[in-house]
Amino acid sequence: MGKVKKGVNCSVAGCSDRAIQSISIDKVQEAAQSMGLKFDTKKSRRIYLCEKHYKEVKKYLKKTKKLEKWKHGLPFT
């Protein structure tokens, strides 16, 4: 049983909603800096996000992934 199922809260500072997803901190760092999100972490490797913050991060990551594909001349889908 993982931490999300046990009921861990969102890692974004000031948010006390229940987390629905965990993501590697390496993937989220760039998105967090550009979106202005601050995390309450204790040197962990995972970030736990509530539904609202997960949607925002997922949207940003999808957009950057698409731009990277265009940059390298690959067809987008």
PDB file of N, CA and C in Angstrom:
ATOM      1  N   MET A   1       0.845  -1.174   0.000  1.00  0.00           N
ATOM      2  CA  MET A   1       0.000   0.000   0.000  1.00  0.00           C
ATOM      3  C   MET A   1       0.892   1.240   0.000  1.00  0.00           C
ATOM      4  N   GLY A   2       0.649   2.123  -0.960  1.00  0.00           N
ATOM      5  CA  GLY A   2       1.468   3.314  -1.091  1.00  0.00           C
ATOM      6  C   GLY A   2       1.005   4.453  -0.207  1.00  0.00           C
ATOM      7  N   LYS A   3       1.772   5.534  -0.218  1.00  0.00           N
ATOM      8  CA  LYS A   3       1.456   6.684   0.625  1.00  0.00           C
ATOM      9  C   LYS A   3       0.185   7.396   0.186  1.00  0.00           C
ATOM     10  N   VAL A   4      -0.086   7.406  -1.118  1.00  0.00           N
ATOM     11  CA  VAL A   4      -1.284   8.079  -1.612  1.00  0.00           C
ATOM     12  C   VAL A   4      -2.527   7.390  -1.061  1.00  0.00           C
ATOM     13  N   LYS A   5      -2.538   6.065  -1.080  1.00  0.00           N
ATOM     14  CA  LYS A   5      -3.680   5.320  -0.544  1.00  0.00           C
ATOM     15  C   LYS A   5      -3.807   5.475   0.966  1.00  0.00           C
ATOM     16  N   LYS A   6      -2.688   5.690   1.636  1.00  0.00           N
ATOM     17  CA  LYS A   6      -2.720   5.867   3.082  1.00  0.00           C
ATOM     18  C   LYS A   6      -3.265   7.237   3.472  1.00  0.00           C
ATOM     19  N   GLY A   7      -3.245   8.193   2.529  1.00  0.00           N
ATOM     20  CA  GLY A   7      -3.849   9.494   2.813  1.00  0.00           C
ATOM     21  C   GLY A   7      -2.874  10.623   3.026  1.00  0.00           C
ATOM     22  N   VAL A   8      -1.800  10.662   2.292  1.00  0.00           N
ATOM     23  CA  VAL A   8      -0.831  11.750   2.411  1.00  0.00           C
ATOM     24  C   VAL A   8      -1.424  13.019   1.789  1.00  0.00           C
ATOM     25  N   ASN A   9      -1.041  14.180   2.316  1.00  0.00           N
ATOM     26  CA  ASN A   9      -1.537  15.455   1.808  1.00  0.00           C
ATOM     27  C   ASN A   9      -0.675  15.962   0.667  1.00  0.00           C
ATOM     28  N   CYS A  10      -1.189  16.932  -0.062  1.00  0.00           N
ATOM     29  CA  CYS A  10      -0.493  17.551  -1.187  1.00  0.00           C
ATOM     30  C   CYS A  10       0.809  18.193  -0.703  1.00  0.00           C
ATOM     31  N   SER A  11       1.868  18.091  -1.492  1.00  0.00           N
ATOM     32  CA  SER A  11       3.185  18.621  -1.123  1.00  0.00           C
ATOM     33  C   SER A  11       3.349  20.104  -1.425  1.00  0.00           C
ATOM     34  N   VAL A  12       2.378  20.721  -2.103  1.00  0.00           N
ATOM     35  CA  VAL A  12       2.469  22.145  -2.426  1.00  0.00           C
ATOM     36  C   VAL A  12       2.235  22.940  -1.145  1.00  0.00           C
ATOM     37  N   ALA A  13       3.108  23.936  -0.908  1.00  0.00           N
ATOM     38  CA  ALA A  13       3.005  24.758   0.291  1.00  0.00           C
ATOM     39  C   ALA A  13       1.667  25.493   0.320  1.00  0.00           C
ATOM     40  N   GLY A  14       0.974  25.395   1.433  1.00  0.00           N
ATOM     41  CA  GLY A  14      -0.300  26.072   1.608  1.00  0.00           C
ATOM     42  C   GLY A  14      -1.506  25.254   1.183  1.00  0.00           C
ATOM     43  N   CYS A  15      -1.309  24.095   0.630  1.00  0.00           N
ATOM     44  CA  CYS A  15      -2.423  23.236   0.193  1.00  0.00           C
ATOM     45  C   CYS A  15      -2.557  22.076   1.175  1.00  0.00           C
ATOM     46  N   SER A  16      -3.756  21.866   1.660  1.00  0.00           N
ATOM     47  CA  SER A  16      -3.967  20.777   2.617  1.00  0.00           C
ATOM     48  C   SER A  16      -4.904  19.711   2.063  1.00  0.00           C
ATOM     49  N   ASP A  17      -5.122  19.709   0.747  1.00  0.00           N
ATOM     50  CA  ASP A  17      -5.977  18.700   0.125  1.00  0.00           C
ATOM     51  C   ASP A  17      -5.263  17.350   0.090  1.00  0.00           C
ATOM     52  N   ARG A  18      -6.040  16.317  -0.062  1.00  0.00           N
ATOM     53  CA  ARG A  18      -5.502  14.958  -0.107  1.00  0.00           C
ATOM     54  C   ARG A  18      -4.879  14.687  -1.478  1.00  0.00           C
ATOM     55  N   ALA A  19      -3.716  14.065  -1.500  1.00  0.00           N
ATOM     56  CA  ALA A  19      -2.992  13.764  -2.735  1.00  0.00           C
ATOM     57  C   ALA A  19      -3.664  12.626  -3.492  1.00  0.00           C
ATOM     58  N   ILE A  20      -3.651  12.743  -4.837  1.00  0.00           N
ATOM     59  CA  ILE A  20      -4.200  11.677  -5.678  1.00  0.00           C
ATOM     60  C   ILE A  20      -3.120  11.053  -6.546  1.00  0.00           C
ATOM     61  N   GLN A  21      -1.950  11.696  -6.626  1.00  0.00           N
ATOM     62  CA  GLN A  21      -0.892  11.217  -7.524  1.00  0.00           C
ATOM     63  C   GLN A  21       0.465  11.597  -6.952  1.00  0.00           C
ATOM     64  N   SER A  22       1.462  10.773  -7.197  1.00  0.00           N
ATOM     65  CA  SER A  22       2.839  11.114  -6.837  1.00  0.00           C
ATOM     66  C   SER A  22       3.683  11.121  -8.106  1.00  0.00           C
ATOM     67  N   ILE A  23       4.609  12.076  -8.174  1.00  0.00           N
ATOM     68  CA  ILE A  23       5.465  12.246  -9.345  1.00  0.00           C
ATOM     69  C   ILE A  23       6.897  12.432  -8.853  1.00  0.00           C
ATOM     70  N   SER A  24       7.834  12.006  -9.670  1.00  0.00           N
ATOM     71  CA  SER A  24       9.244  12.181  -9.351  1.00  0.00           C
ATOM     72  C   SER A  24       9.568  13.667  -9.251  1.00  0.00           C
ATOM     73  N   ILE A  25      10.379  14.029  -8.299  1.00  0.00           N
ATOM     74  CA  ILE A  25      10.732  15.430  -8.090  1.00  0.00           C
ATOM     75  C   ILE A  25      11.526  15.979  -9.278  1.00  0.00           C
ATOM     76  N   ASP A  26      12.259  15.111  -9.972  1.00  0.00           N
ATOM     77  CA  ASP A  26      13.037  15.555 -11.133  1.00  0.00           C
ATOM     78  C   ASP A  26      12.133  16.060 -12.250  1.00  0.00           C
ATOM     79  N   LYS A  27      11.012  15.404 -12.472  1.00  0.00           N
ATOM     80  CA  LYS A  27      10.085  15.808 -13.524  1.00  0.00           C
ATOM     81  C   LYS A  27       9.357  17.103 -13.173  1.00  0.00           C
ATOM     82  N   VAL A  28       9.099  17.323 -11.912  1.00  0.00           N
ATOM     83  CA  VAL A  28       8.254  18.428 -11.484  1.00  0.00           C
ATOM     84  C   VAL A  28       9.031  19.719 -11.230  1.00  0.00           C
ATOM     85  N   GLN A  29      10.321  19.656 -11.003  1.00  0.00           N
ATOM     86  CA  GLN A  29      11.084  20.836 -10.623  1.00  0.00           C
ATOM     87  C   GLN A  29      10.981  21.965 -11.633  1.00  0.00           C
ATOM     88  N   GLU A  30      11.153  21.682 -12.903  1.00  0.00           N
ATOM     89  CA  GLU A  30      11.092  22.717 -13.936  1.00  0.00           C
ATOM     90  C   GLU A  30       9.692  23.324 -14.007  1.00  0.00           C
ATOM     91  N   ALA A  31       8.687  22.487 -13.954  1.00  0.00           N
ATOM     92  CA  ALA A  31       7.304  22.970 -13.999  1.00  0.00           C
ATOM     93  C   ALA A  31       7.003  23.841 -12.786  1.00  0.00           C
ATOM     94  N   ALA A  32       7.480  23.435 -11.631  1.00  0.00           N
ATOM     95  CA  ALA A  32       7.218  24.187 -10.408  1.00  0.00           C
ATOM     96  C   ALA A  32       7.856  25.571 -10.450  1.00  0.00           C
ATOM     97  N   GLN A  33       9.056  25.662 -10.976  1.00  0.00           N
ATOM     98  CA  GLN A  33       9.735  26.948 -11.045  1.00  0.00           C
ATOM     99  C   GLN A  33       9.000  27.910 -11.964  1.00  0.00           C
ATOM    100  N   SER A  34       8.561  27.447 -13.113  1.00  0.00           N
ATOM    101  CA  SER A  34       7.886  28.329 -14.054  1.00  0.00           C
ATOM    102  C   SER A  34       6.463  28.662 -13.603  1.00  0.00           C
ATOM    103  N   MET A  35       5.822  27.767 -12.860  1.00  0.00           N
ATOM    104  CA  MET A  35       4.456  27.993 -12.395  1.00  0.00           C
ATOM    105  C   MET A  35       4.425  28.694 -11.043  1.00  0.00           C
ATOM    106  N   GLY A  36       5.546  28.784 -10.360  1.00  0.00           N
ATOM    107  CA  GLY A  36       5.602  29.448  -9.062  1.00  0.00           C
ATOM    108  C   GLY A  36       5.126  28.597  -7.899  1.00  0.00           C
ATOM    109  N   LEU A  37       5.236  27.287  -8.017  1.00  0.00           N
ATOM    110  CA  LEU A  37       4.822  26.390  -6.937  1.00  0.00           C
ATOM    111  C   LEU A  37       5.986  26.154  -5.979  1.00  0.00           C
ATOM    112  N   LYS A  38       5.701  26.166  -4.707  1.00  0.00           N
ATOM    113  CA  LYS A  38       6.690  25.855  -3.680  1.00  0.00           C
ATOM    114  C   LYS A  38       6.261  24.566  -3.000  1.00  0.00           C
ATOM    115  N   PHE A  39       7.228  23.679  -2.744  1.00  0.00           N
ATOM    116  CA  PHE A  39       6.922  22.377  -2.161  1.00  0.00           C
ATOM    117  C   PHE A  39       7.428  22.278  -0.732  1.00  0.00           C
ATOM    118  N   ASP A  40       6.652  21.599   0.100  1.00  0.00           N
ATOM    119  CA  ASP A  40       7.063  21.252   1.454  1.00  0.00           C
ATOM    120  C   ASP A  40       7.670  19.859   1.394  1.00  0.00           C
ATOM    121  N   THR A  41       8.950  19.772   1.152  1.00  0.00           N
ATOM    122  CA  THR A  41       9.590  18.459   1.059  1.00  0.00           C
ATOM    123  C   THR A  41      10.699  18.352   2.083  1.00  0.00           C
ATOM    124  N   LYS A  42      10.937  17.152   2.487  1.00  0.00           N
ATOM    125  CA  LYS A  42      12.023  16.865   3.421  1.00  0.00           C
ATOM    126  C   LYS A  42      13.032  15.969   2.733  1.00  0.00           C
ATOM    127  N   LYS A  43      13.562  16.455   1.621  1.00  0.00           N
ATOM    128  CA  LYS A  43      14.560  15.732   0.836  1.00  0.00           C
ATOM    129  C   LYS A  43      14.033  14.377   0.356  1.00  0.00           C
ATOM    130  N   SER A  44      12.768  14.336  -0.027  1.00  0.00           N
ATOM    131  CA  SER A  44      12.227  13.091  -0.560  1.00  0.00           C
ATOM    132  C   SER A  44      12.371  13.084  -2.074  1.00  0.00           C
ATOM    133  N   ARG A  45      12.172  11.931  -2.682  1.00  0.00           N
ATOM    134  CA  ARG A  45      12.325  11.797  -4.130  1.00  0.00           C
ATOM    135  C   ARG A  45      10.996  11.932  -4.858  1.00  0.00           C
ATOM    136  N   ARG A  46       9.888  11.968  -4.126  1.00  0.00           N
ATOM    137  CA  ARG A  46       8.556  12.037  -4.720  1.00  0.00           C
ATOM    138  C   ARG A  46       7.833  13.294  -4.251  1.00  0.00           C
ATOM    139  N   ILE A  47       6.988  13.813  -5.142  1.00  0.00           N
ATOM    140  CA  ILE A  47       6.105  14.931  -4.820  1.00  0.00           C
ATOM    141  C   ILE A  47       4.684  14.399  -4.892  1.00  0.00           C
ATOM    142  N   TYR A  48       3.880  14.732  -3.911  1.00  0.00           N
ATOM    143  CA  TYR A  48       2.498  14.283  -3.871  1.00  0.00           C
ATOM    144  C   TYR A  48       1.596  15.461  -4.210  1.00  0.00           C
ATOM    145  N   LEU A  49       0.698  15.262  -5.185  1.00  0.00           N
ATOM    146  CA  LEU A  49      -0.129  16.347  -5.685  1.00  0.00           C
ATOM    147  C   LEU A  49      -1.614  16.035  -5.561  1.00  0.00           C
ATOM    148  N   CYS A  50      -2.389  17.073  -5.204  1.00  0.00           N
ATOM    149  CA  CYS A  50      -3.843  16.944  -5.185  1.00  0.00           C
ATOM    150  C   CYS A  50      -4.351  17.047  -6.623  1.00  0.00           C
ATOM    151  N   GLU A  51      -5.646  16.883  -6.810  1.00  0.00           N
ATOM    152  CA  GLU A  51      -6.214  16.874  -8.155  1.00  0.00           C
ATOM    153  C   GLU A  51      -5.970  18.188  -8.884  1.00  0.00           C
ATOM    154  N   LYS A  52      -6.147  19.312  -8.205  1.00  0.00           N
ATOM    155  CA  LYS A  52      -5.986  20.632  -8.821  1.00  0.00           C
ATOM    156  C   LYS A  52      -4.544  20.860  -9.290  1.00  0.00           C
ATOM    157  N   HIS A  53      -3.593  20.608  -8.425  1.00  0.00           N
ATOM    158  CA  HIS A  53      -2.192  20.838  -8.771  1.00  0.00           C
ATOM    159  C   HIS A  53      -1.681  19.814  -9.782  1.00  0.00           C
ATOM    160  N   TYR A  54      -2.173  18.587  -9.714  1.00  0.00           N
ATOM    161  CA  TYR A  54      -1.768  17.574 -10.677  1.00  0.00           C
ATOM    162  C   TYR A  54      -2.206  17.955 -12.085  1.00  0.00           C
ATOM    163  N   LYS A  55      -3.422  18.487 -12.218  1.00  0.00           N
ATOM    164  CA  LYS A  55      -3.899  18.930 -13.528  1.00  0.00           C
ATOM    165  C   LYS A  55      -3.009  20.025 -14.097  1.00  0.00           C
ATOM    166  N   GLU A  56      -2.640  20.993 -13.253  1.00  0.00           N
ATOM    167  CA  GLU A  56      -1.784  22.096 -13.699  1.00  0.00           C
ATOM    168  C   GLU A  56      -0.419  21.599 -14.158  1.00  0.00           C
ATOM    169  N   VAL A  57       0.183  20.740 -13.363  1.00  0.00           N
ATOM    170  CA  VAL A  57       1.511  20.217 -13.692  1.00  0.00           C
ATOM    171  C   VAL A  57       1.455  19.351 -14.942  1.00  0.00           C
ATOM    172  N   LYS A  58       0.430  18.507 -15.041  1.00  0.00           N
ATOM    173  CA  LYS A  58       0.285  17.631 -16.197  1.00  0.00           C
ATOM    174  C   LYS A  58       0.121  18.450 -17.474  1.00  0.00           C
ATOM    175  N   LYS A  59      -0.643  19.519 -17.419  1.00  0.00           N
ATOM    176  CA  LYS A  59      -0.857  20.379 -18.573  1.00  0.00           C
ATOM    177  C   LYS A  59       0.462  21.032 -19.008  1.00  0.00           C
ATOM    178  N   TYR A  60       1.241  21.497 -18.033  1.00  0.00           N
ATOM    179  CA  TYR A  60       2.532  22.120 -18.340  1.00  0.00           C
ATOM    180  C   TYR A  60       3.494  21.101 -18.961  1.00  0.00           C
ATOM    181  N   LEU A  61       3.565  19.908 -18.392  1.00  0.00           N
ATOM    182  CA  LEU A  61       4.473  18.882 -18.901  1.00  0.00           C
ATOM    183  C   LEU A  61       4.086  18.439 -20.307  1.00  0.00           C
ATOM    184  N   LYS A  62       2.791  18.355 -20.575  1.00  0.00           N
ATOM    185  CA  LYS A  62       2.323  17.975 -21.899  1.00  0.00           C
ATOM    186  C   LYS A  62       2.734  19.023 -22.933  1.00  0.00           C
ATOM    187  N   LYS A  63       2.602  20.292 -22.561  1.00  0.00           N
ATOM    188  CA  LYS A  63       2.955  21.390 -23.457  1.00  0.00           C
ATOM    189  C   LYS A  63       4.460  21.397 -23.756  1.00  0.00           C
ATOM    190  N   THR A  64       5.290  21.208 -22.736  1.00  0.00           N
ATOM    191  CA  THR A  64       6.737  21.210 -22.954  1.00  0.00           C
ATOM    192  C   THR A  64       7.187  20.003 -23.764  1.00  0.00           C
ATOM    193  N   LYS A  65       6.536  18.873 -23.554  1.00  0.00           N
ATOM    194  CA  LYS A  65       6.875  17.673 -24.324  1.00  0.00           C
ATOM    195  C   LYS A  65       6.573  17.878 -25.806  1.00  0.00           C
ATOM    196  N   LYS A  66       5.446  18.520 -26.091  1.00  0.00           N
ATOM    197  CA  LYS A  66       5.066  18.800 -27.472  1.00  0.00           C
ATOM    198  C   LYS A  66       6.062  19.767 -28.118  1.00  0.00           C
ATOM    199  N   LEU A  67       6.489  20.782 -27.377  1.00  0.00           N
ATOM    200  CA  LEU A  67       7.462  21.739 -27.900  1.00  0.00           C
ATOM    201  C   LEU A  67       8.809  21.077 -28.186  1.00  0.00           C
ATOM    202  N   GLU A  68       9.204  20.142 -27.334  1.00  0.00           N
ATOM    203  CA  GLU A  68      10.456  19.421 -27.555  1.00  0.00           C
ATOM    204  C   GLU A  68      10.385  18.591 -28.830  1.00  0.00           C
ATOM    205  N   LYS A  69       9.241  17.970 -29.081  1.00  0.00           N
ATOM    206  CA  LYS A  69       9.074  17.186 -30.308  1.00  0.00           C
ATOM    207  C   LYS A  69       9.187  18.086 -31.532  1.00  0.00           C
ATOM    208  N   TRP A  70       8.534  19.251 -31.482  1.00  0.00           N
ATOM    209  CA  TRP A  70       8.597  20.190 -32.604  1.00  0.00           C
ATOM    210  C   TRP A  70      10.024  20.669 -32.823  1.00  0.00           C
ATOM    211  N   LYS A  71      10.727  20.898 -31.737  1.00  0.00           N
ATOM    212  CA  LYS A  71      12.105  21.390 -31.817  1.00  0.00           C
ATOM    213  C   LYS A  71      13.004  20.393 -32.550  1.00  0.00           C
ATOM    214  N   HIS A  72      12.757  19.116 -32.369  1.00  0.00           N
ATOM    215  CA  HIS A  72      13.573  18.084 -33.005  1.00  0.00           C
ATOM    216  C   HIS A  72      13.004  17.601 -34.337  1.00  0.00           C
ATOM    217  N   GLY A  73      11.913  18.218 -34.765  1.00  0.00           N
ATOM    218  CA  GLY A  73      11.350  17.902 -36.069  1.00  0.00           C
ATOM    219  C   GLY A  73      10.569  16.605 -36.136  1.00  0.00           C
ATOM    220  N   LEU A  74      10.127  16.111 -34.991  1.00  0.00           N
ATOM    221  CA  LEU A  74       9.356  14.872 -34.971  1.00  0.00           C
ATOM    222  C   LEU A  74       7.875  15.202 -35.162  1.00  0.00           C
ATOM    223  N   PRO A  75       7.112  14.310 -35.747  1.00  0.00           N
ATOM    224  CA  PRO A  75       5.677  14.574 -35.917  1.00  0.00           C
ATOM    225  C   PRO A  75       4.990  14.576 -34.571  1.00  0.00           C
ATOM    226  N   PHE A  76       4.031  15.461 -34.400  1.00  0.00           N
ATOM    227  CA  PHE A  76       3.323  15.539 -33.126  1.00  0.00           C
ATOM    228  C   PHE A  76       1.987  14.810 -33.238  1.00  0.00           C
ATOM    229  N   THR A  77       1.559  14.300 -32.068  1.00  0.00           N
ATOM    230  CA  THR A  77       0.271  13.608 -32.010  1.00  0.00           C
ATOM    231  C   THR A  77      -0.512  14.095 -30.829  1.00  0.00           C
TER     232      THR A  77
END
